[in-house]
Amino acid sequence: MKINERLKAYRESIGLKQNFVENKAKMSQKRLSAIENGQVKLSADEFEHICIYGYEVNPTIFFNDEFLDSKNKTASPKSQAS
């Protein structure tokens, strides 16, 4: 699963709206949408802002086994932990 897909899947799984994340991460709706849809390259700074300010999570969660092994899954790590 690509990083843009992980970000979008995570946002949707925790019920955050794009406009909430945009405001918190201080980025435009157009930019976040393009990132989530894989239309533009995601910079390290943007990734950090989305994770820390938009989602309020440590960016490393997007590199754990649950995401890396989930080519056919779209659920978040939180929903898989039971």
N, C-alpha and C. Protein backbone atom coordinates (compact mmCIF):
# COMPACT_ATOMS: atom_id res chain seq x y z
N MET A 1 0.85 -1.17 0.00
CA MET A 1 0.00 0.00 0.00
C MET A 1 0.90 1.24 0.00
N LYS A 2 0.64 2.16 -0.92
CA LYS A 2 1.43 3.38 -1.01
C LYS A 2 1.09 4.31 0.14
N ILE A 3 2.02 5.23 0.44
CA ILE A 3 1.84 6.12 1.58
C ILE A 3 0.59 6.98 1.44
N ASN A 4 0.29 7.45 0.24
CA ASN A 4 -0.92 8.25 0.06
C ASN A 4 -2.17 7.42 0.37
N GLU A 5 -2.15 6.15 0.01
CA GLU A 5 -3.28 5.26 0.30
C GLU A 5 -3.40 4.99 1.80
N ARG A 6 -2.25 4.86 2.46
CA ARG A 6 -2.25 4.65 3.91
C ARG A 6 -2.83 5.86 4.63
N LEU A 7 -2.42 7.06 4.20
CA LEU A 7 -2.93 8.28 4.83
C LEU A 7 -4.45 8.40 4.66
N LYS A 8 -4.92 8.17 3.46
CA LYS A 8 -6.36 8.28 3.19
C LYS A 8 -7.14 7.21 3.95
N ALA A 9 -6.65 5.98 3.93
CA ALA A 9 -7.34 4.89 4.64
C ALA A 9 -7.40 5.17 6.13
N TYR A 10 -6.31 5.68 6.68
CA TYR A 10 -6.29 5.98 8.10
C TYR A 10 -7.28 7.09 8.43
N ARG A 11 -7.26 8.17 7.64
CA ARG A 11 -8.18 9.30 7.88
C ARG A 11 -9.62 8.83 7.84
N GLU A 12 -9.96 8.05 6.84
CA GLU A 12 -11.33 7.55 6.72
C GLU A 12 -11.69 6.60 7.86
N SER A 13 -10.75 5.77 8.27
CA SER A 13 -11.05 4.78 9.31
C SER A 13 -11.30 5.41 10.68
N ILE A 14 -10.70 6.59 10.92
CA ILE A 14 -10.93 7.25 12.20
C ILE A 14 -12.00 8.33 12.11
N GLY A 15 -12.59 8.45 10.93
CA GLY A 15 -13.73 9.34 10.76
C GLY A 15 -13.43 10.82 10.64
N LEU A 16 -12.21 11.15 10.23
CA LEU A 16 -11.88 12.57 10.05
C LEU A 16 -12.26 13.01 8.64
N LYS A 17 -12.78 14.20 8.54
CA LYS A 17 -13.10 14.80 7.25
C LYS A 17 -11.85 15.48 6.70
N GLN A 18 -11.76 15.53 5.38
CA GLN A 18 -10.61 16.17 4.76
C GLN A 18 -10.45 17.62 5.21
N ASN A 19 -11.56 18.35 5.31
CA ASN A 19 -11.43 19.77 5.67
C ASN A 19 -10.89 19.95 7.09
N PHE A 20 -11.17 19.02 7.99
CA PHE A 20 -10.61 19.09 9.35
C PHE A 20 -9.08 18.95 9.29
N VAL A 21 -8.63 17.95 8.54
CA VAL A 21 -7.20 17.69 8.42
C VAL A 21 -6.50 18.86 7.72
N GLU A 22 -7.13 19.38 6.68
CA GLU A 22 -6.56 20.52 5.95
C GLU A 22 -6.32 21.70 6.88
N ASN A 23 -7.33 22.01 7.68
CA ASN A 23 -7.20 23.14 8.61
C ASN A 23 -6.11 22.92 9.64
N LYS A 24 -6.09 21.73 10.23
CA LYS A 24 -5.10 21.42 11.27
C LYS A 24 -3.68 21.37 10.69
N ALA A 25 -3.54 20.82 9.49
CA ALA A 25 -2.22 20.67 8.87
C ALA A 25 -1.82 21.91 8.07
N LYS A 26 -2.72 22.89 8.01
CA LYS A 26 -2.46 24.15 7.29
C LYS A 26 -2.09 23.91 5.83
N MET A 27 -2.96 23.18 5.13
CA MET A 27 -2.76 22.98 3.70
C MET A 27 -4.10 23.12 2.99
N SER A 28 -4.05 23.34 1.71
CA SER A 28 -5.27 23.56 0.95
C SER A 28 -6.00 22.24 0.69
N GLN A 29 -7.30 22.36 0.44
CA GLN A 29 -8.12 21.19 0.12
C GLN A 29 -7.60 20.55 -1.16
N LYS A 30 -7.25 21.38 -2.12
CA LYS A 30 -6.76 20.87 -3.40
C LYS A 30 -5.48 20.05 -3.21
N ARG A 31 -4.58 20.55 -2.37
CA ARG A 31 -3.31 19.87 -2.14
C ARG A 31 -3.52 18.54 -1.42
N LEU A 32 -4.31 18.53 -0.35
CA LEU A 32 -4.54 17.28 0.39
C LEU A 32 -5.24 16.26 -0.49
N SER A 33 -6.21 16.69 -1.25
CA SER A 33 -6.92 15.77 -2.14
C SER A 33 -5.96 15.18 -3.18
N ALA A 34 -5.10 16.02 -3.75
CA ALA A 34 -4.13 15.55 -4.73
C ALA A 34 -3.14 14.56 -4.10
N ILE A 35 -2.75 14.82 -2.87
CA ILE A 35 -1.84 13.90 -2.16
C ILE A 35 -2.54 12.56 -1.94
N GLU A 36 -3.74 12.60 -1.37
CA GLU A 36 -4.45 11.35 -1.07
C GLU A 36 -4.75 10.54 -2.32
N ASN A 37 -4.95 11.20 -3.45
CA ASN A 37 -5.26 10.50 -4.69
C ASN A 37 -4.03 10.15 -5.52
N GLY A 38 -2.84 10.44 -4.98
CA GLY A 38 -1.60 10.07 -5.64
C GLY A 38 -1.29 10.90 -6.88
N GLN A 39 -1.86 12.08 -6.98
CA GLN A 39 -1.67 12.94 -8.15
C GLN A 39 -0.41 13.81 -8.04
N VAL A 40 0.10 13.99 -6.83
CA VAL A 40 1.32 14.76 -6.60
C VAL A 40 2.20 14.01 -5.61
N LYS A 41 3.47 14.34 -5.63
CA LYS A 41 4.39 13.73 -4.67
C LYS A 41 4.22 14.40 -3.31
N LEU A 42 4.29 13.61 -2.29
CA LEU A 42 4.16 14.07 -0.91
C LEU A 42 5.54 14.38 -0.36
N SER A 43 5.73 15.60 0.12
CA SER A 43 7.03 15.94 0.72
C SER A 43 7.08 15.42 2.16
N ALA A 44 8.28 15.30 2.67
CA ALA A 44 8.45 14.86 4.06
C ALA A 44 7.79 15.84 5.02
N ASP A 45 7.90 17.13 4.74
CA ASP A 45 7.27 18.14 5.59
C ASP A 45 5.75 18.02 5.58
N GLU A 46 5.18 17.80 4.40
CA GLU A 46 3.73 17.63 4.32
C GLU A 46 3.28 16.38 5.07
N PHE A 47 4.03 15.30 4.91
CA PHE A 47 3.71 14.06 5.61
C PHE A 47 3.71 14.29 7.12
N GLU A 48 4.74 14.97 7.59
CA GLU A 48 4.85 15.26 9.01
C GLU A 48 3.68 16.13 9.49
N HIS A 49 3.32 17.15 8.75
CA HIS A 49 2.21 18.02 9.14
C HIS A 49 0.87 17.27 9.15
N ILE A 50 0.66 16.44 8.15
CA ILE A 50 -0.59 15.66 8.12
C ILE A 50 -0.68 14.75 9.33
N CYS A 51 0.41 14.04 9.63
CA CYS A 51 0.40 13.09 10.76
C CYS A 51 0.30 13.81 12.10
N ILE A 52 1.20 14.74 12.34
CA ILE A 52 1.30 15.36 13.66
C ILE A 52 0.15 16.33 13.93
N TYR A 53 -0.14 17.19 12.98
CA TYR A 53 -1.16 18.22 13.22
C TYR A 53 -2.55 17.78 12.76
N GLY A 54 -2.63 17.13 11.61
CA GLY A 54 -3.92 16.71 11.09
C GLY A 54 -4.52 15.52 11.81
N TYR A 55 -3.69 14.48 12.02
CA TYR A 55 -4.18 13.25 12.65
C TYR A 55 -3.80 13.15 14.12
N GLU A 56 -2.83 13.94 14.53
CA GLU A 56 -2.31 13.90 15.90
C GLU A 56 -1.78 12.52 16.27
N VAL A 57 -0.98 11.95 15.35
CA VAL A 57 -0.34 10.66 15.58
C VAL A 57 1.13 10.74 15.21
N ASN A 58 1.90 9.80 15.72
CA ASN A 58 3.30 9.68 15.37
C ASN A 58 3.40 9.15 13.94
N PRO A 59 4.15 9.80 13.06
CA PRO A 59 4.24 9.35 11.67
C PRO A 59 4.71 7.91 11.49
N THR A 60 5.42 7.37 12.47
CA THR A 60 5.95 6.02 12.32
C THR A 60 4.86 4.95 12.24
N ILE A 61 3.64 5.26 12.66
CA ILE A 61 2.59 4.22 12.58
C ILE A 61 2.32 3.81 11.15
N PHE A 62 2.64 4.67 10.20
CA PHE A 62 2.38 4.36 8.80
C PHE A 62 3.44 3.45 8.19
N PHE A 63 4.43 3.08 8.99
CA PHE A 63 5.48 2.18 8.52
C PHE A 63 5.55 0.89 9.32
N ASN A 64 4.51 0.59 10.09
CA ASN A 64 4.51 -0.66 10.85
C ASN A 64 3.99 -1.81 9.99
N ASP A 65 4.10 -3.00 10.49
CA ASP A 65 3.73 -4.20 9.74
C ASP A 65 2.28 -4.20 9.29
N GLU A 66 1.39 -3.65 10.10
CA GLU A 66 -0.02 -3.68 9.75
C GLU A 66 -0.29 -2.91 8.46
N PHE A 67 0.44 -1.85 8.20
CA PHE A 67 0.28 -1.12 6.94
C PHE A 67 1.10 -1.75 5.83
N LEU A 68 2.32 -2.15 6.14
CA LEU A 68 3.19 -2.69 5.11
C LEU A 68 2.71 -4.02 4.57
N ASP A 69 2.02 -4.80 5.39
CA ASP A 69 1.50 -6.10 4.97
C ASP A 69 0.06 -6.03 4.48
N SER A 70 -0.46 -4.83 4.26
CA SER A 70 -1.88 -4.71 3.97
C SER A 70 -2.17 -4.31 2.52
N LYS A 71 -1.56 -4.97 1.59
CA LYS A 71 -1.81 -4.63 0.19
C LYS A 71 -3.27 -4.82 -0.19
N ASN A 72 -3.95 -5.75 0.44
CA ASN A 72 -5.36 -6.00 0.12
C ASN A 72 -6.29 -5.53 1.21
N LYS A 73 -5.76 -4.82 2.20
CA LYS A 73 -6.57 -4.34 3.32
C LYS A 73 -6.61 -2.82 3.28
N THR A 74 -7.67 -2.24 3.83
CA THR A 74 -7.73 -0.79 3.94
C THR A 74 -8.06 -0.35 5.35
N ALA A 75 -8.17 -1.29 6.27
CA ALA A 75 -8.51 -0.93 7.66
C ALA A 75 -7.31 -0.30 8.36
N SER A 76 -7.58 0.49 9.34
CA SER A 76 -6.52 1.16 10.09
C SER A 76 -5.94 0.22 11.14
N PRO A 77 -4.74 0.54 11.64
CA PRO A 77 -4.15 -0.25 12.71
C PRO A 77 -5.05 -0.27 13.95
N LYS A 78 -5.75 0.82 14.23
CA LYS A 78 -6.61 0.86 15.40
C LYS A 78 -7.75 -0.15 15.28
N SER A 79 -8.33 -0.28 14.08
CA SER A 79 -9.45 -1.20 13.92
C SER A 79 -9.01 -2.65 13.88
N GLN A 80 -7.73 -2.90 13.61
CA GLN A 80 -7.23 -4.26 13.58
C GLN A 80 -6.76 -4.73 14.94
N ALA A 81 -6.50 -3.82 15.85
CA ALA A 81 -6.01 -4.18 17.18
C ALA A 81 -7.18 -4.64 18.05
N SER A 82 -7.26 -5.92 18.25
CA SER A 82 -8.29 -6.46 19.13
C SER A 82 -7.83 -7.74 19.77
